[in-house]
Protein backbone atom coordinates (compact mmCIF):
# COMPACT_ATOMS: atom_id res chain seq x y z
CA MET A 1 -3.74 -27.13 -71.52
CA GLU A 2 -0.93 -26.96 -73.29
CA CYS A 3 -1.05 -23.12 -72.04
CA ARG A 4 -1.13 -23.94 -68.61
CA THR A 5 1.84 -26.65 -68.95
CA TRP A 6 3.97 -23.60 -70.18
CA MET A 7 3.13 -20.82 -67.93
CA TRP A 8 4.33 -23.54 -64.71
CA THR A 9 7.30 -24.64 -66.57
CA THR A 10 8.32 -20.71 -66.80
CA VAL A 11 7.99 -20.11 -63.21
CA ALA A 12 9.79 -23.31 -62.58
CA ARG A 13 12.70 -21.65 -64.53
CA LEU A 14 12.18 -18.07 -63.37
CA PHE A 15 12.31 -19.72 -59.59
CA ALA A 16 15.78 -21.71 -60.83
CA ARG A 17 17.44 -18.69 -61.91
CA ILE A 18 17.27 -17.19 -58.32
CA PRO A 19 20.19 -18.04 -56.23
CA ILE A 20 20.06 -19.96 -53.10
CA THR A 21 21.12 -16.47 -50.78
CA ALA A 22 18.57 -14.53 -52.47
CA LEU A 23 15.62 -17.25 -51.38
CA ALA A 24 17.15 -17.63 -48.22
CA LEU A 25 17.04 -13.44 -47.77
CA PHE A 26 13.66 -14.03 -48.52
CA VAL A 27 12.73 -16.59 -46.16
CA LEU A 28 14.37 -14.48 -43.35
CA MET A 29 12.78 -11.49 -44.04
CA ALA A 30 9.11 -12.85 -44.27
CA THR A 31 9.53 -14.99 -40.69
CA PRO A 32 9.90 -11.97 -38.52
CA VAL A 33 6.56 -10.46 -39.42
CA LEU A 34 4.72 -13.49 -38.56
CA SER A 35 6.80 -14.18 -34.99
CA SER A 36 6.50 -10.29 -34.45
CA ALA A 37 2.84 -10.63 -34.53
CA GLN A 38 2.66 -13.51 -32.00
CA ALA A 39 5.65 -11.85 -30.02
CA CYS A 40 2.44 -8.89 -29.70
CA LYS A 41 -0.13 -10.75 -29.14
CA ASN A 42 1.94 -13.04 -26.21
CA VAL A 43 2.89 -9.00 -24.61
CA GLN A 44 -0.96 -8.30 -24.70
CA GLN A 45 -2.17 -11.75 -23.00
CA ALA A 46 0.79 -11.33 -19.96
CA GLY A 47 -0.06 -7.79 -19.32
CA ALA A 48 -3.61 -8.33 -19.40
CA ALA A 49 -2.82 -10.85 -16.65
CA TYR A 50 -0.67 -8.80 -14.71
CA GLN A 51 -3.17 -6.21 -14.57
CA GLU A 52 -6.14 -8.55 -13.84
CA CYS A 53 -4.18 -9.81 -11.33
CA VAL A 54 -3.55 -6.77 -9.64
CA LYS A 55 -7.01 -5.23 -9.78
CA ASN A 56 -9.12 -8.59 -8.65
CA THR A 57 -7.16 -10.32 -5.85
CA HIS A 58 -4.54 -7.73 -4.50
CA GLY A 59 -2.05 -10.37 -4.08
CA PRO A 60 1.66 -10.82 -5.06
CA CYS A 61 1.80 -10.55 -8.70
CA SER A 62 5.30 -10.25 -9.24
CA SER A 63 5.85 -13.57 -11.30
CA LEU A 64 3.01 -12.28 -14.22
CA LYS A 65 4.55 -8.58 -14.27
CA ILE A 66 8.78 -10.01 -14.76
CA GLN A 67 6.51 -12.13 -17.60
CA TRP A 68 5.32 -9.69 -18.84
CA LEU A 69 7.91 -7.28 -18.88
CA GLU A 70 10.52 -10.14 -20.31
CA LEU A 71 7.69 -11.04 -23.07
CA LEU A 72 7.92 -7.34 -23.86
CA ALA A 73 12.04 -7.17 -23.89
CA GLY A 74 11.87 -10.11 -26.20
CA ALA A 75 9.68 -8.48 -28.56
CA LYS A 76 12.42 -5.50 -28.97
CA GLY A 77 9.84 -2.66 -28.77
CA ASN A 78 7.86 -3.60 -31.92
CA CYS A 79 4.83 -3.83 -29.38
CA GLY A 80 4.99 -0.13 -28.69
CA GLN A 81 5.28 1.18 -24.84
CA PRO A 82 3.93 -0.63 -22.22
CA PRO A 83 0.67 0.60 -20.72
CA PRO A 84 1.65 1.90 -16.92
CA PRO A 85 1.43 -0.79 -13.95
CA GLN A 86 -1.78 -0.42 -12.49
CA SER A 87 -0.71 0.16 -8.70
CA PRO A 88 -2.35 -2.07 -6.08
CA LEU A 89 -2.92 1.03 -3.87
CA SER A 90 -6.38 2.94 -3.81
CA GLU A 91 -7.34 6.15 -2.23
CA LEU A 92 -9.91 5.60 0.51
CA GLN A 93 -12.29 8.53 1.12
CA PRO A 94 -14.28 7.34 4.48
CA ASP A 95 -17.96 8.55 4.91
CA ILE A 96 -17.23 10.71 8.28
CA ARG A 97 -18.47 13.89 9.19
CA GLN A 98 -14.54 15.33 9.45
CA GLY A 99 -11.25 13.88 7.42
CA GLY A 100 -7.61 14.85 7.67
CA ARG A 101 -4.14 14.11 6.62
CA VAL A 102 -2.55 10.96 7.78
CA ASN A 103 -0.43 11.02 11.06
CA THR A 104 0.78 7.46 12.18
CA ILE A 105 0.39 4.13 10.94
CA ALA A 106 0.95 1.32 13.52
CA VAL A 107 1.01 -2.16 12.64
CA ASP A 108 0.33 -5.16 15.10
CA PRO A 109 3.80 -6.48 15.47
CA THR A 110 2.30 -10.73 15.82
CA HIS A 111 -0.50 -10.19 13.39
CA ASP A 112 0.50 -7.97 11.23
CA ASN A 113 -2.87 -8.03 9.43
CA ILE A 114 -4.01 -5.71 11.82
CA VAL A 115 -3.29 -2.11 11.12
CA LEU A 116 -4.24 1.31 12.57
CA VAL A 117 -4.05 4.81 11.42
CA THR A 118 -4.45 7.94 12.99
CA SER A 119 -5.70 11.07 11.08
CA GLU A 120 -5.64 14.82 11.33
CA SER A 121 -9.19 15.47 11.86
CA GLY A 122 -10.73 12.35 11.36
CA GLY A 123 -10.12 10.12 14.27
CA MET A 124 -8.88 6.73 13.85
CA PHE A 125 -9.24 4.10 11.21
CA ARG A 126 -8.64 0.04 12.03
CA SER A 127 -8.16 -2.67 9.27
CA VAL A 128 -8.01 -6.39 10.24
CA ASP A 129 -7.25 -7.52 6.67
CA ARG A 130 -3.81 -5.51 5.58
CA GLY A 131 -5.50 -2.83 4.80
CA HIS A 132 -7.67 -3.77 1.89
CA THR A 133 -10.38 -2.46 4.10
CA TRP A 134 -11.02 -0.12 6.69
CA ARG A 135 -13.40 0.81 9.62
CA HIS A 136 -13.40 4.21 11.20
CA VAL A 137 -12.93 3.60 15.18
CA ASP A 138 -16.08 4.85 17.10
CA THR A 139 -14.91 3.66 20.01
CA LEU A 140 -12.41 6.40 20.19
CA PRO A 141 -14.08 9.65 20.66
CA VAL A 142 -11.77 12.09 19.47
CA PHE A 143 -11.31 12.94 15.96
CA GLN A 144 -7.62 14.83 15.95
CA THR A 145 -5.51 12.33 16.77
CA ASN A 146 -1.82 11.84 16.41
CA ALA A 147 0.20 9.05 16.97
CA VAL A 148 -0.69 5.36 17.66
CA ALA A 149 1.58 2.69 19.04
CA PHE A 150 1.68 -1.26 19.87
CA VAL A 151 3.70 -2.10 22.85
CA PRO A 152 5.65 -4.57 21.71
CA ALA A 153 6.16 -6.50 25.36
CA THR A 154 2.55 -6.49 25.17
CA PRO A 155 1.01 -6.14 21.72
CA ASP A 156 -2.74 -6.34 22.55
CA LEU A 157 -1.86 -3.07 24.35
CA VAL A 158 -1.86 0.21 22.09
CA ILE A 159 -1.28 4.13 22.97
CA ALA A 160 -2.66 6.79 20.99
CA THR A 161 -2.94 10.47 21.63
CA ALA A 162 -4.89 13.41 20.96
CA SER A 163 -4.75 17.11 20.26
CA ALA A 164 -7.41 19.01 23.26
CA ASP A 165 -11.03 19.24 21.20
CA PHE A 166 -12.27 22.15 23.46
CA ARG A 167 -14.87 20.30 24.89
CA THR A 168 -16.27 20.36 28.54
CA ALA A 169 -14.82 16.95 29.23
CA ASN A 170 -11.41 17.40 27.19
CA GLY A 171 -10.69 14.49 24.99
CA GLY A 172 -6.92 15.61 24.23
CA GLY A 173 -4.13 13.46 26.03
CA ILE A 174 -3.64 10.06 26.31
CA TRP A 175 -5.59 6.90 25.03
CA LEU A 176 -5.47 3.46 26.06
CA SER A 177 -6.51 0.24 24.11
CA LYS A 178 -6.14 -3.53 25.82
CA ASP A 179 -7.98 -5.33 22.56
CA GLY A 180 -5.51 -4.28 20.05
CA GLY A 181 -7.14 -0.82 19.28
CA ALA A 182 -10.60 -2.31 19.03
CA ARG A 183 -11.99 -0.24 22.34
CA TRP A 184 -10.38 2.72 24.23
CA THR A 185 -10.23 4.37 27.67
CA GLN A 186 -8.97 7.88 27.97
CA ILE A 187 -5.91 8.40 30.90
CA PRO A 188 -6.90 11.00 33.26
CA ASN A 189 -5.09 13.93 32.58
CA PRO A 190 -2.49 15.32 34.83
CA ALA A 191 -2.63 18.52 36.84
CA THR A 192 -2.22 21.44 34.36
CA PRO A 193 1.28 22.88 35.23
CA SER A 194 1.87 26.42 36.23
CA GLY A 195 1.88 28.60 33.21
CA VAL A 196 0.25 26.83 30.86
CA THR A 197 -3.33 28.10 29.62
CA GLU A 198 -4.35 25.33 27.81
CA ALA A 199 -5.74 22.24 27.92
CA MET A 200 -3.93 19.13 27.23
CA SER A 201 -2.65 18.04 23.87
CA ALA A 202 -0.48 14.99 23.48
CA TYR A 203 1.71 14.20 20.28
CA GLU A 204 4.57 11.53 19.88
CA ILE A 205 4.66 8.11 21.62
CA SER A 206 8.58 6.80 22.19
CA ILE A 207 8.55 3.03 23.82
CA ALA A 208 12.46 2.54 25.17
CA ILE A 209 13.37 -1.39 23.80
CA ASP A 210 15.71 -1.80 27.10
CA THR A 211 13.51 -1.01 29.63
CA GLY A 212 9.67 -1.19 28.10
CA ASN A 213 9.19 2.54 29.50
CA ILE A 214 6.36 4.34 27.33
CA TYR A 215 7.20 8.14 26.64
CA VAL A 216 4.65 10.46 25.51
CA GLY A 217 5.41 14.38 24.74
CA SER A 218 2.52 17.00 24.95
CA ASN A 219 2.25 20.79 25.76
CA PHE A 220 2.17 19.68 29.38
CA GLY A 221 5.71 18.02 29.26
CA VAL A 222 6.70 14.03 28.78
CA SER A 223 4.31 11.27 30.51
CA VAL A 224 6.07 8.27 31.20
CA SER A 225 4.99 5.03 32.20
CA ALA A 226 6.88 2.37 33.40
CA ASN A 227 4.15 -0.72 33.75
CA ASN A 228 2.66 -0.62 30.22
CA GLY A 229 0.22 2.38 30.67
CA GLY A 230 -0.64 1.32 34.62
CA SER A 231 0.67 4.39 36.07
CA TRP A 232 1.92 7.81 34.79
CA ILE A 233 4.45 10.26 35.72
CA GLN A 234 4.49 13.89 34.78
CA SER A 235 7.95 15.50 34.26
């Protein structure tokens, strides 16, 4: 008992001799170890929440990202470099006979959840949920699609162009949809101009803001419609 009492008395005397400033320094040095560990844990939790949002909801996750980066900055680099953010974009490999690069993207001006895409040799694709899922437009029976555009004055009206496919009934030229791109009909090709030996291929589309006239460039020249695709003049 006397030995134990002597030990605690000795320890007390040793601490009594330590200056107050040294004790304060000891506390300051020990405290960041705990706060740094907690900060890293907060960073990891915030980063996991952000990436989970991006992966599963495809929704607005900007507030979670900001919170994650702010916590990371507050940790002053003690938690290492942040993992690269997962992109909400992902590649789609459709199960179709042919493929190719994307040529044109068009968004419905009144229903921005509807998106149309033309591809080099895979035809047209349509999304009704802002690009989260896609379906091949089988009602457009051409594969070399070049351009697509919604007509601003009549948003349900869509114009698309295609290259010659060298079939008996050429699929190249101008195509028209009156239901937002769900179903399509081909505009009859004009007479072949003198000196042209190839079947018609149509390319870019331009719609005048003031008049609403639709202009389509092709290897036959320029096709112009002044009545929303009802009739066309070749120039």
